[in-house]
């Protein structure tokens, strides 16, 4: 079994964790309703996606 020979320093530990962060959510304003929604998702209030009616709400 592999065992570390030396203690990992704080800087090395933090360098390894530099990519462990939460990414930003891509929120846009809907053109028709003016409300905010996730991009590339159906607007659940109107049922539109990419300018076309997808859901009957």
Protein backbone atom coordinates (compact mmCIF):
# COMPACT_ATOMS: atom_id res chain seq x y z
CA UNK A 1 0.00 0.00 0.00
CA UNK A 2 1.30 3.46 -0.89
CA UNK A 3 2.16 5.70 2.05
CA UNK A 4 3.36 9.32 1.75
CA UNK A 5 7.02 9.82 2.69
CA UNK A 6 6.64 13.46 3.70
CA UNK A 7 3.92 15.73 5.00
CA UNK A 8 2.27 17.73 2.22
CA UNK A 9 2.86 21.44 2.77
CA UNK A 10 0.00 23.94 2.90
CA UNK A 11 1.05 25.50 -0.40
CA UNK A 12 1.17 22.15 -2.23
CA UNK A 13 -2.17 21.15 -0.74
CA UNK A 14 -3.73 24.45 -1.80
CA UNK A 15 -2.21 24.23 -5.30
CA UNK A 16 -3.88 20.85 -5.71
CA UNK A 17 -7.21 22.28 -4.53
CA UNK A 18 -7.05 25.35 -6.77
CA UNK A 19 -9.56 23.81 -9.22
CA UNK A 20 -11.96 22.60 -6.52
CA UNK A 21 -14.43 25.45 -6.69
CA UNK A 22 -18.05 25.96 -7.59
CA UNK A 23 -18.52 27.18 -11.14
CA UNK A 24 -20.75 30.14 -11.95
CA UNK A 25 -24.31 29.37 -13.01
CA UNK A 26 -25.18 30.74 -16.44
CA UNK A 27 -28.35 32.78 -15.75
CA UNK A 28 -29.83 34.97 -18.50
CA UNK A 29 -32.84 37.24 -18.82
CA UNK A 30 -35.65 35.77 -20.92
CA UNK A 31 -36.51 37.90 -23.96
CA UNK A 32 -40.27 37.30 -23.83
CA UNK A 33 -41.09 37.31 -20.12
CA UNK A 34 -38.15 39.37 -18.81
CA UNK A 35 -37.54 36.87 -16.00
CA UNK A 36 -34.23 35.20 -15.25
CA UNK A 37 -33.70 31.57 -16.23
CA UNK A 38 -30.90 29.08 -16.86
CA UNK A 39 -29.56 29.30 -20.39
CA UNK A 40 -30.22 26.29 -22.65
CA UNK A 41 -33.25 25.37 -20.51
CA UNK A 42 -37.00 25.68 -21.08
CA UNK A 43 -38.67 28.68 -19.44
CA UNK A 44 -41.12 26.91 -17.15
CA UNK A 45 -43.43 29.94 -16.86
CA UNK A 46 -44.06 30.31 -20.61
CA UNK A 47 -43.03 26.92 -21.99
CA UNK A 48 -40.78 28.47 -24.65
CA UNK A 49 -37.30 27.34 -25.65
CA UNK A 50 -35.23 29.03 -28.36
CA UNK A 51 -38.24 31.13 -29.42
CA UNK A 52 -40.53 28.13 -29.94
CA UNK A 53 -43.42 26.82 -27.83
CA UNK A 54 -42.33 23.47 -26.37
CA UNK A 55 -44.67 22.93 -23.41
CA UNK A 56 -48.37 23.73 -23.12
CA UNK A 57 -48.66 25.51 -19.78
